[in-house]
């Protein structure tokens, strides 16, 4: 009985630790997503400004393309972060006993 109690305590501590880790990961990835969304918004503004400058003959088209490339890279990073966010939420659900065997 004593050994079963120790095993139960061990399982309980491991479960708590796993859920705590997953909750922290969810919060951290949420913050990263917010910052990356702000970066994408800023880069989209930069694309609009670069287009305006090109139309006013104040910038080369290469500058417009480089700005668009940077915005695209930021959007792709944002998508990858969203994927990680969903994966961590799935792991949290699994840690809370979401029915997986």
PDB file of N, CA and C in Angstrom:
ATOM      1  N   UNK A   1       0.823  -1.195   0.000  1.00  0.00           N
ATOM      2  CA  UNK A   1       0.000   0.000   0.000  1.00  0.00           C
ATOM      3  C   UNK A   1       0.865   1.257   0.000  1.00  0.00           C
ATOM      4  N   UNK A   2       1.955   1.197   0.756  1.00  0.00           N
ATOM      5  CA  UNK A   2       2.844   2.349   0.828  1.00  0.00           C
ATOM      6  C   UNK A   2       3.482   2.630  -0.530  1.00  0.00           C
ATOM      7  N   UNK A   3       3.870   1.558  -1.216  1.00  0.00           N
ATOM      8  CA  UNK A   3       4.462   1.726  -2.548  1.00  0.00           C
ATOM      9  C   UNK A   3       3.421   2.285  -3.520  1.00  0.00           C
ATOM     10  N   UNK A   4       2.201   1.831  -3.431  1.00  0.00           N
ATOM     11  CA  UNK A   4       1.135   2.357  -4.296  1.00  0.00           C
ATOM     12  C   UNK A   4       0.895   3.831  -4.012  1.00  0.00           C
ATOM     13  N   UNK A   5       0.981   4.233  -2.756  1.00  0.00           N
ATOM     14  CA  UNK A   5       0.819   5.627  -2.393  1.00  0.00           C
ATOM     15  C   UNK A   5       1.946   6.471  -2.977  1.00  0.00           C
ATOM     16  N   UNK A   6       3.172   5.954  -2.918  1.00  0.00           N
ATOM     17  CA  UNK A   6       4.316   6.668  -3.507  1.00  0.00           C
ATOM     18  C   UNK A   6       4.162   6.800  -5.021  1.00  0.00           C
ATOM     19  N   UNK A   7       3.722   5.756  -5.665  1.00  0.00           N
ATOM     20  CA  UNK A   7       3.502   5.800  -7.116  1.00  0.00           C
ATOM     21  C   UNK A   7       2.408   6.808  -7.461  1.00  0.00           C
ATOM     22  N   UNK A   8       1.354   6.840  -6.650  1.00  0.00           N
ATOM     23  CA  UNK A   8       0.282   7.809  -6.867  1.00  0.00           C
ATOM     24  C   UNK A   8       0.814   9.232  -6.716  1.00  0.00           C
ATOM     25  N   UNK A   9       1.581   9.480  -5.660  1.00  0.00           N
ATOM     26  CA  UNK A   9       2.171  10.805  -5.455  1.00  0.00           C
ATOM     27  C   UNK A   9       3.094  11.186  -6.611  1.00  0.00           C
ATOM     28  N   UNK A  10       3.888  10.237  -7.059  1.00  0.00           N
ATOM     29  CA  UNK A  10       4.807  10.490  -8.172  1.00  0.00           C
ATOM     30  C   UNK A  10       4.022  10.862  -9.438  1.00  0.00           C
ATOM     31  N   UNK A  11       2.971  10.127  -9.707  1.00  0.00           N
ATOM     32  CA  UNK A  11       2.138  10.396 -10.875  1.00  0.00           C
ATOM     33  C   UNK A  11       1.469  11.763 -10.763  1.00  0.00           C
ATOM     34  N   UNK A  12       0.996  12.089  -9.592  1.00  0.00           N
ATOM     35  CA  UNK A  12       0.347  13.371  -9.367  1.00  0.00           C
ATOM     36  C   UNK A  12       1.322  14.529  -9.562  1.00  0.00           C
ATOM     37  N   UNK A  13       2.521  14.400  -9.031  1.00  0.00           N
ATOM     38  CA  UNK A  13       3.537  15.449  -9.176  1.00  0.00           C
ATOM     39  C   UNK A  13       3.948  15.601 -10.635  1.00  0.00           C
ATOM     40  N   UNK A  14       4.142  14.480 -11.328  1.00  0.00           N
ATOM     41  CA  UNK A  14       4.503  14.541 -12.753  1.00  0.00           C
ATOM     42  C   UNK A  14       3.399  15.203 -13.571  1.00  0.00           C
ATOM     43  N   UNK A  15       2.165  14.876 -13.279  1.00  0.00           N
ATOM     44  CA  UNK A  15       1.035  15.454 -14.009  1.00  0.00           C
ATOM     45  C   UNK A  15       0.944  16.957 -13.765  1.00  0.00           C
ATOM     46  N   UNK A  16       1.098  17.357 -12.516  1.00  0.00           N
ATOM     47  CA  UNK A  16       1.055  18.782 -12.198  1.00  0.00           C
ATOM     48  C   UNK A  16       2.179  19.522 -12.908  1.00  0.00           C
ATOM     49  N   UNK A  17       3.362  18.948 -12.893  1.00  0.00           N
ATOM     50  CA  UNK A  17       4.506  19.567 -13.552  1.00  0.00           C
ATOM     51  C   UNK A  17       4.273  19.695 -15.054  1.00  0.00           C
ATOM     52  N   UNK A  18       3.731  18.674 -15.664  1.00  0.00           N
ATOM     53  CA  UNK A  18       3.478  18.678 -17.103  1.00  0.00           C
ATOM     54  C   UNK A  18       2.431  19.731 -17.478  1.00  0.00           C
ATOM     55  N   UNK A  19       1.363  19.817 -16.711  1.00  0.00           N
ATOM     56  CA  UNK A  19       0.318  20.805 -16.986  1.00  0.00           C
ATOM     57  C   UNK A  19       0.854  22.212 -16.770  1.00  0.00           C
ATOM     58  N   UNK A  20       1.625  22.407 -15.727  1.00  0.00           N
ATOM     59  CA  UNK A  20       2.211  23.713 -15.450  1.00  0.00           C
ATOM     60  C   UNK A  20       3.133  24.150 -16.584  1.00  0.00           C
ATOM     61  N   UNK A  21       3.939  23.233 -17.074  1.00  0.00           N
ATOM     62  CA  UNK A  21       4.833  23.527 -18.184  1.00  0.00           C
ATOM     63  C   UNK A  21       4.051  23.896 -19.440  1.00  0.00           C
ATOM     64  N   UNK A  22       2.984  23.161 -19.717  1.00  0.00           N
ATOM     65  CA  UNK A  22       2.174  23.431 -20.904  1.00  0.00           C
ATOM     66  C   UNK A  22       1.455  24.777 -20.798  1.00  0.00           C
ATOM     67  N   UNK A  23       0.969  25.119 -19.603  1.00  0.00           N
ATOM     68  CA  UNK A  23       0.303  26.411 -19.421  1.00  0.00           C
ATOM     69  C   UNK A  23       1.280  27.565 -19.639  1.00  0.00           C
ATOM     70  N   UNK A  24       2.501  27.402 -19.141  1.00  0.00           N
ATOM     71  CA  UNK A  24       3.525  28.418 -19.353  1.00  0.00           C
ATOM     72  C   UNK A  24       3.847  28.557 -20.836  1.00  0.00           C
ATOM     73  N   UNK A  25       3.932  27.432 -21.523  1.00  0.00           N
ATOM     74  CA  UNK A  25       4.210  27.454 -22.961  1.00  0.00           C
ATOM     75  C   UNK A  25       3.088  28.158 -23.717  1.00  0.00           C
ATOM     76  N   UNK A  26       1.846  27.918 -23.327  1.00  0.00           N
ATOM     77  CA  UNK A  26       0.700  28.579 -23.981  1.00  0.00           C
ATOM     78  C   UNK A  26       0.802  30.091 -23.802  1.00  0.00           C
ATOM     79  N   UNK A  27       1.129  30.530 -22.598  1.00  0.00           N
ATOM     80  CA  UNK A  27       1.250  31.970 -22.349  1.00  0.00           C
ATOM     81  C   UNK A  27       2.401  32.579 -23.149  1.00  0.00           C
ATOM     82  N   UNK A  28       3.535  31.908 -23.164  1.00  0.00           N
ATOM     83  CA  UNK A  28       4.698  32.437 -23.876  1.00  0.00           C
ATOM     84  C   UNK A  28       4.457  32.518 -25.376  1.00  0.00           C
ATOM     85  N   UNK A  29       3.866  31.487 -25.932  1.00  0.00           N
ATOM     86  CA  UNK A  29       3.607  31.495 -27.372  1.00  0.00           C
ATOM     87  C   UNK A  29       2.548  32.548 -27.715  1.00  0.00           C
ATOM     88  N   UNK A  30       1.603  32.766 -26.810  1.00  0.00           N
ATOM     89  CA  UNK A  30       0.618  33.826 -27.027  1.00  0.00           C
ATOM     90  C   UNK A  30       1.277  35.197 -27.094  1.00  0.00           C
ATOM     91  N   UNK A  31       2.262  35.425 -26.228  1.00  0.00           N
ATOM     92  CA  UNK A  31       2.986  36.700 -26.258  1.00  0.00           C
ATOM     93  C   UNK A  31       3.793  36.837 -27.543  1.00  0.00           C
ATOM     94  N   UNK A  32       4.454  35.751 -27.936  1.00  0.00           N
ATOM     95  CA  UNK A  32       5.236  35.781 -29.178  1.00  0.00           C
ATOM     96  C   UNK A  32       4.319  36.078 -30.362  1.00  0.00           C
ATOM     97  N   UNK A  33       3.151  35.455 -30.387  1.00  0.00           N
ATOM     98  CA  UNK A  33       2.210  35.678 -31.481  1.00  0.00           C
ATOM     99  C   UNK A  33       1.783  37.149 -31.537  1.00  0.00           C
ATOM    100  N   UNK A  34       1.526  37.737 -30.368  1.00  0.00           N
ATOM    101  CA  UNK A  34       1.121  39.147 -30.316  1.00  0.00           C
ATOM    102  C   UNK A  34       2.215  40.052 -30.878  1.00  0.00           C
ATOM    103  N   UNK A  35       3.456  39.802 -30.473  1.00  0.00           N
ATOM    104  CA  UNK A  35       4.563  40.618 -30.975  1.00  0.00           C
ATOM    105  C   UNK A  35       4.771  40.432 -32.472  1.00  0.00           C
ATOM    106  N   UNK A  36       4.639  39.201 -32.935  1.00  0.00           N
ATOM    107  CA  UNK A  36       4.799  38.966 -34.365  1.00  0.00           C
ATOM    108  C   UNK A  36       3.662  39.603 -35.162  1.00  0.00           C
ATOM    109  N   UNK A  37       2.460  39.630 -34.606  1.00  0.00           N
ATOM    110  CA  UNK A  37       1.341  40.286 -35.282  1.00  0.00           C
ATOM    111  C   UNK A  37       1.605  41.783 -35.406  1.00  0.00           C
ATOM    112  N   UNK A  38       2.176  42.375 -34.358  1.00  0.00           N
ATOM    113  CA  UNK A  38       2.535  43.790 -34.417  1.00  0.00           C
ATOM    114  C   UNK A  38       3.611  44.027 -35.474  1.00  0.00           C
ATOM    115  N   UNK A  39       4.554  43.096 -35.576  1.00  0.00           N
ATOM    116  CA  UNK A  39       5.604  43.220 -36.585  1.00  0.00           C
ATOM    117  C   UNK A  39       5.009  43.155 -37.986  1.00  0.00           C
ATOM    118  N   UNK A  40       4.096  42.226 -38.214  1.00  0.00           N
ATOM    119  CA  UNK A  40       3.445  42.112 -39.526  1.00  0.00           C
ATOM    120  C   UNK A  40       2.681  43.386 -39.853  1.00  0.00           C
ATOM    121  N   UNK A  41       1.969  43.923 -38.878  1.00  0.00           N
ATOM    122  CA  UNK A  41       1.223  45.166 -39.113  1.00  0.00           C
ATOM    123  C   UNK A  41       2.168  46.306 -39.496  1.00  0.00           C
ATOM    124  N   UNK A  42       3.289  46.400 -38.790  1.00  0.00           N
ATOM    125  CA  UNK A  42       4.268  47.457 -39.095  1.00  0.00           C
ATOM    126  C   UNK A  42       4.867  47.274 -40.483  1.00  0.00           C
ATOM    127  N   UNK A  43       5.159  46.039 -40.834  1.00  0.00           N
ATOM    128  CA  UNK A  43       5.737  45.785 -42.153  1.00  0.00           C
ATOM    129  C   UNK A  43       4.725  46.031 -43.267  1.00  0.00           C
ATOM    130  N   UNK A  44       3.465  45.777 -43.010  1.00  0.00           N
ATOM    131  CA  UNK A  44       2.446  46.086 -44.019  1.00  0.00           C
ATOM    132  C   UNK A  44       2.332  47.599 -44.208  1.00  0.00           C
ATOM    133  N   UNK A  45       2.460  48.340 -43.120  1.00  0.00           N
ATOM    134  CA  UNK A  45       2.503  49.800 -43.246  1.00  0.00           C
ATOM    135  C   UNK A  45       3.717  50.229 -44.061  1.00  0.00           C
ATOM    136  N   UNK A  46       4.846  49.569 -43.827  1.00  0.00           N
ATOM    137  CA  UNK A  46       6.068  49.877 -44.572  1.00  0.00           C
ATOM    138  C   UNK A  46       5.889  49.575 -46.058  1.00  0.00           C
ATOM    139  N   UNK A  47       5.177  48.509 -46.382  1.00  0.00           N
ATOM    140  CA  UNK A  47       4.911  48.177 -47.788  1.00  0.00           C
ATOM    141  C   UNK A  47       4.075  49.279 -48.430  1.00  0.00           C
ATOM    142  N   UNK A  48       3.063  49.736 -47.719  1.00  0.00           N
ATOM    143  CA  UNK A  48       2.224  50.816 -48.261  1.00  0.00           C
ATOM    144  C   UNK A  48       3.039  52.090 -48.468  1.00  0.00           C
ATOM    145  N   UNK A  49       3.897  52.398 -47.534  1.00  0.00           N
ATOM    146  CA  UNK A  49       4.739  53.592 -47.661  1.00  0.00           C
ATOM    147  C   UNK A  49       5.705  53.440 -48.833  1.00  0.00           C
ATOM    148  N   UNK A  50       6.301  52.248 -48.970  1.00  0.00           N
ATOM    149  CA  UNK A  50       7.224  52.009 -50.079  1.00  0.00           C
ATOM    150  C   UNK A  50       6.506  52.141 -51.419  1.00  0.00           C
ATOM    151  N   UNK A  51       5.282  51.649 -51.497  1.00  0.00           N
ATOM    152  CA  UNK A  51       4.499  51.800 -52.734  1.00  0.00           C
ATOM    153  C   UNK A  51       4.208  53.267 -53.022  1.00  0.00           C
ATOM    154  N   UNK A  52       3.844  54.007 -51.985  1.00  0.00           N
ATOM    155  CA  UNK A  52       3.592  55.443 -52.170  1.00  0.00           C
ATOM    156  C   UNK A  52       4.852  56.167 -52.640  1.00  0.00           C
ATOM    157  N   UNK A  53       5.985  55.819 -52.047  1.00  0.00           N
ATOM    158  CA  UNK A  53       7.246  56.439 -52.463  1.00  0.00           C
ATOM    159  C   UNK A  53       7.602  56.078 -53.897  1.00  0.00           C
ATOM    160  N   UNK A  54       7.317  54.843 -54.290  1.00  0.00           N
ATOM    161  CA  UNK A  54       7.585  54.435 -55.668  1.00  0.00           C
ATOM    162  C   UNK A  54       6.702  55.217 -56.643  1.00  0.00           C
ATOM    163  N   UNK A  55       5.432  55.366 -56.299  1.00  0.00           N
ATOM    164  CA  UNK A  55       4.518  56.119 -57.159  1.00  0.00           C
ATOM    165  C   UNK A  55       4.925  57.590 -57.284  1.00  0.00           C
ATOM    166  N   UNK A  56       5.567  58.089 -56.215  1.00  0.00           N
ATOM    167  CA  UNK A  56       6.017  59.489 -56.231  1.00  0.00           C
ATOM    168  C   UNK A  56       7.437  59.605 -56.786  1.00  0.00           C
ATOM    169  N   UNK A  57       7.973  58.519 -57.300  1.00  0.00           N
ATOM    170  CA  UNK A  57       9.318  58.476 -57.885  1.00  0.00           C
ATOM    171  C   UNK A  57      10.394  58.835 -56.850  1.00  0.00           C
ATOM    172  N   UNK A  58      10.185  58.434 -55.620  1.00  0.00           N
ATOM    173  CA  UNK A  58      11.157  58.692 -54.560  1.00  0.00           C
ATOM    174  C   UNK A  58      11.881  57.414 -54.118  1.00  0.00           C
ATOM    175  N   UNK A  59      11.471  56.265 -54.679  1.00  0.00           N
ATOM    176  CA  UNK A  59      12.098  55.003 -54.312  1.00  0.00           C
ATOM    177  C   UNK A  59      12.147  54.091 -55.534  1.00  0.00           C
ATOM    178  N   UNK A  60      13.103  53.193 -55.524  1.00  0.00           N
ATOM    179  CA  UNK A  60      13.212  52.190 -56.584  1.00  0.00           C
ATOM    180  C   UNK A  60      12.208  51.078 -56.322  1.00  0.00           C
ATOM    181  N   UNK A  61      11.883  50.345 -57.387  1.00  0.00           N
ATOM    182  CA  UNK A  61      10.959  49.230 -57.216  1.00  0.00           C
ATOM    183  C   UNK A  61      11.606  48.110 -56.411  1.00  0.00           C
ATOM    184  N   UNK A  62      12.929  48.047 -56.446  1.00  0.00           N
ATOM    185  CA  UNK A  62      13.643  47.051 -55.645  1.00  0.00           C
ATOM    186  C   UNK A  62      13.349  47.246 -54.159  1.00  0.00           C
ATOM    187  N   UNK A  63      13.252  48.477 -53.734  1.00  0.00           N
ATOM    188  CA  UNK A  63      12.921  48.752 -52.331  1.00  0.00           C
ATOM    189  C   UNK A  63      11.518  48.262 -51.995  1.00  0.00           C
ATOM    190  N   UNK A  64      10.597  48.431 -52.935  1.00  0.00           N
ATOM    191  CA  UNK A  64       9.236  47.928 -52.734  1.00  0.00           C
ATOM    192  C   UNK A  64       9.257  46.409 -52.616  1.00  0.00           C
ATOM    193  N   UNK A  65       9.987  45.763 -53.498  1.00  0.00           N
ATOM    194  CA  UNK A  65      10.065  44.299 -53.469  1.00  0.00           C
ATOM    195  C   UNK A  65      10.714  43.787 -52.187  1.00  0.00           C
ATOM    196  N   UNK A  66      11.759  44.450 -51.732  1.00  0.00           N
ATOM    197  CA  UNK A  66      12.434  44.037 -50.505  1.00  0.00           C
ATOM    198  C   UNK A  66      11.499  44.187 -49.303  1.00  0.00           C
ATOM    199  N   UNK A  67      10.735  45.258 -49.299  1.00  0.00           N
ATOM    200  CA  UNK A  67       9.785  45.475 -48.204  1.00  0.00           C
ATOM    201  C   UNK A  67       8.687  44.416 -48.234  1.00  0.00           C
ATOM    202  N   UNK A  68       8.212  44.087 -49.423  1.00  0.00           N
ATOM    203  CA  UNK A  68       7.193  43.041 -49.552  1.00  0.00           C
ATOM    204  C   UNK A  68       7.737  41.684 -49.119  1.00  0.00           C
ATOM    205  N   UNK A  69       9.007  41.421 -49.452  1.00  0.00           N
ATOM    206  CA  UNK A  69       9.625  40.161 -49.039  1.00  0.00           C
ATOM    207  C   UNK A  69       9.713  40.067 -47.513  1.00  0.00           C
ATOM    208  N   UNK A  70      10.108  41.168 -46.877  1.00  0.00           N
ATOM    209  CA  UNK A  70      10.191  41.184 -45.419  1.00  0.00           C
ATOM    210  C   UNK A  70       8.821  40.951 -44.787  1.00  0.00           C
ATOM    211  N   UNK A  71       7.799  41.553 -45.363  1.00  0.00           N
ATOM    212  CA  UNK A  71       6.438  41.369 -44.852  1.00  0.00           C
ATOM    213  C   UNK A  71       5.989  39.924 -45.030  1.00  0.00           C
ATOM    214  N   UNK A  72       6.315  39.328 -46.160  1.00  0.00           N
ATOM    215  CA  UNK A  72       5.958  37.931 -46.398  1.00  0.00           C
ATOM    216  C   UNK A  72       6.659  37.005 -45.414  1.00  0.00           C
ATOM    217  N   UNK A  73       7.950  37.236 -45.173  1.00  0.00           N
ATOM    218  CA  UNK A  73       8.686  36.424 -44.196  1.00  0.00           C
ATOM    219  C   UNK A  73       8.061  36.533 -42.815  1.00  0.00           C
ATOM    220  N   UNK A  74       7.660  37.745 -42.438  1.00  0.00           N
ATOM    221  CA  UNK A  74       7.033  37.943 -41.134  1.00  0.00           C
ATOM    222  C   UNK A  74       5.683  37.223 -41.052  1.00  0.00           C
ATOM    223  N   UNK A  75       4.928  37.239 -42.155  1.00  0.00           N
ATOM    224  CA  UNK A  75       3.646  36.528 -42.179  1.00  0.00           C
ATOM    225  C   UNK A  75       3.845  35.025 -42.052  1.00  0.00           C
ATOM    226  N   UNK A  76       4.868  34.502 -42.719  1.00  0.00           N
ATOM    227  CA  UNK A  76       5.153  33.068 -42.623  1.00  0.00           C
ATOM    228  C   UNK A  76       5.565  32.687 -41.199  1.00  0.00           C
ATOM    229  N   UNK A  77       6.355  33.538 -40.561  1.00  0.00           N
ATOM    230  CA  UNK A  77       6.722  33.294 -39.166  1.00  0.00           C
ATOM    231  C   UNK A  77       5.495  33.325 -38.265  1.00  0.00           C
ATOM    232  N   UNK A  78       4.581  34.220 -38.556  1.00  0.00           N
ATOM    233  CA  UNK A  78       3.347  34.316 -37.779  1.00  0.00           C
ATOM    234  C   UNK A  78       2.511  33.046 -37.927  1.00  0.00           C
ATOM    235  N   UNK A  79       2.463  32.508 -39.122  1.00  0.00           N
ATOM    236  CA  UNK A  79       1.722  31.267 -39.368  1.00  0.00           C
ATOM    237  C   UNK A  79       2.364  30.109 -38.614  1.00  0.00           C
ATOM    238  N   UNK A  80       3.687  30.048 -38.626  1.00  0.00           N
ATOM    239  CA  UNK A  80       4.380  28.983 -37.894  1.00  0.00           C
ATOM    240  C   UNK A  80       4.138  29.099 -36.389  1.00  0.00           C
ATOM    241  N   UNK A  81       4.093  30.319 -35.891  1.00  0.00           N
ATOM    242  CA  UNK A  81       3.826  30.521 -34.472  1.00  0.00           C
ATOM    243  C   UNK A  81       2.407  30.093 -34.128  1.00  0.00           C
ATOM    244  N   UNK A  82       1.453  30.377 -34.999  1.00  0.00           N
ATOM    245  CA  UNK A  82       0.070  29.941 -34.770  1.00  0.00           C
ATOM    246  C   UNK A  82      -0.005  28.416 -34.737  1.00  0.00           C
ATOM    247  N   UNK A  83       0.744  27.758 -35.626  1.00  0.00           N
ATOM    248  CA  UNK A  83       0.783  26.296 -35.624  1.00  0.00           C
ATOM    249  C   UNK A  83       1.334  25.780 -34.296  1.00  0.00           C
ATOM    250  N   UNK A  84       2.430  26.380 -33.829  1.00  0.00           N
ATOM    251  CA  UNK A  84       2.997  25.976 -32.540  1.00  0.00           C
ATOM    252  C   UNK A  84       2.005  26.206 -31.406  1.00  0.00           C
ATOM    253  N   UNK A  85       1.251  27.296 -31.508  1.00  0.00           N
ATOM    254  CA  UNK A  85       0.259  27.598 -30.482  1.00  0.00           C
ATOM    255  C   UNK A  85      -0.804  26.498 -30.436  1.00  0.00           C
ATOM    256  N   UNK A  86      -1.264  26.060 -31.578  1.00  0.00           N
ATOM    257  CA  UNK A  86      -2.251  24.981 -31.623  1.00  0.00           C
ATOM    258  C   UNK A  86      -1.661  23.668 -31.127  1.00  0.00           C
ATOM    259  N   UNK A  87      -0.412  23.409 -31.457  1.00  0.00           N
ATOM    260  CA  UNK A  87       0.226  22.176 -30.994  1.00  0.00           C
ATOM    261  C   UNK A  87       0.367  22.165 -29.478  1.00  0.00           C
ATOM    262  N   UNK A  88       0.740  23.300 -28.904  1.00  0.00           N
ATOM    263  CA  UNK A  88       0.880  23.378 -27.451  1.00  0.00           C
ATOM    264  C   UNK A  88      -0.481  23.233 -26.783  1.00  0.00           C
ATOM    265  N   UNK A  89      -1.514  23.823 -27.362  1.00  0.00           N
ATOM    266  CA  UNK A  89      -2.857  23.664 -26.794  1.00  0.00           C
ATOM    267  C   UNK A  89      -3.298  22.207 -26.847  1.00  0.00           C
ATOM    268  N   UNK A  90      -2.943  21.515 -27.915  1.00  0.00           N
ATOM    269  CA  UNK A  90      -3.260  20.097 -28.019  1.00  0.00           C
ATOM    270  C   UNK A  90      -2.512  19.298 -26.959  1.00  0.00           C
ATOM    271  N   UNK A  91      -1.247  19.632 -26.750  1.00  0.00           N
ATOM    272  CA  UNK A  91      -0.466  18.947 -25.714  1.00  0.00           C
ATOM    273  C   UNK A  91      -1.046  19.222 -24.325  1.00  0.00           C
ATOM    274  N   UNK A  92      -1.518  20.433 -24.089  1.00  0.00           N
ATOM    275  CA  UNK A  92      -2.145  20.764 -22.808  1.00  0.00           C
ATOM    276  C   UNK A  92      -3.408  19.936 -22.613  1.00  0.00           C
ATOM    277  N   UNK A  93      -4.207  19.853 -23.649  1.00  0.00           N
ATOM    278  CA  UNK A  93      -5.420  19.040 -23.582  1.00  0.00           C
ATOM    279  C   UNK A  93      -5.077  17.591 -23.282  1.00  0.00           C
ATOM    280  N   UNK A  94      -4.038  17.117 -23.934  1.00  0.00           N
ATOM    281  CA  UNK A  94      -3.584  15.743 -23.711  1.00  0.00           C
ATOM    282  C   UNK A  94      -3.098  15.568 -22.274  1.00  0.00           C
ATOM    283  N   UNK A  95      -2.378  16.563 -21.745  1.00  0.00           N
ATOM    284  CA  UNK A  95      -1.869  16.499 -20.383  1.00  0.00           C
ATOM    285  C   UNK A  95      -2.997  16.510 -19.348  1.00  0.00           C
ATOM    286  N   UNK A  96      -4.074  17.175 -19.694  1.00  0.00           N
ATOM    287  CA  UNK A  96      -5.209  17.226 -18.780  1.00  0.00           C
ATOM    288  C   UNK A  96      -6.112  15.996 -18.886  1.00  0.00           C
ATOM    289  N   UNK A  97      -5.705  15.042 -19.701  1.00  0.00           N
ATOM    290  CA  UNK A  97      -6.483  13.810 -19.819  1.00  0.00           C
ATOM    291  C   UNK A  97      -7.534  13.891 -20.895  1.00  0.00           C
ATOM    292  N   UNK A  98      -7.149  14.407 -22.028  1.00  0.00           N
ATOM    293  CA  UNK A  98      -8.089  14.652 -23.107  1.00  0.00           C
ATOM    294  C   UNK A  98      -8.542  13.433 -23.876  1.00  0.00           C
ATOM    295  N   UNK A  99      -8.314  12.256 -23.393  1.00  0.00           N
ATOM    296  CA  UNK A  99      -8.862  11.078 -24.035  1.00  0.00           C
ATOM    297  C   UNK A  99      -7.892  10.293 -24.899  1.00  0.00           C
ATOM    298  N   UNK A 100      -6.631  10.714 -25.023  1.00  0.00           N
ATOM    299  CA  UNK A 100      -5.678   9.952 -25.799  1.00  0.00           C
ATOM    300  C   UNK A 100      -5.166   8.778 -25.004  1.00  0.00           C
ATOM    301  N   UNK A 101      -4.864   7.705 -25.698  1.00  0.00           N
ATOM    302  CA  UNK A 101      -4.299   6.533 -25.034  1.00  0.00           C
ATOM    303  C   UNK A 101      -2.946   6.229 -25.606  1.00  0.00           C
TER     304      UNK A 101
END
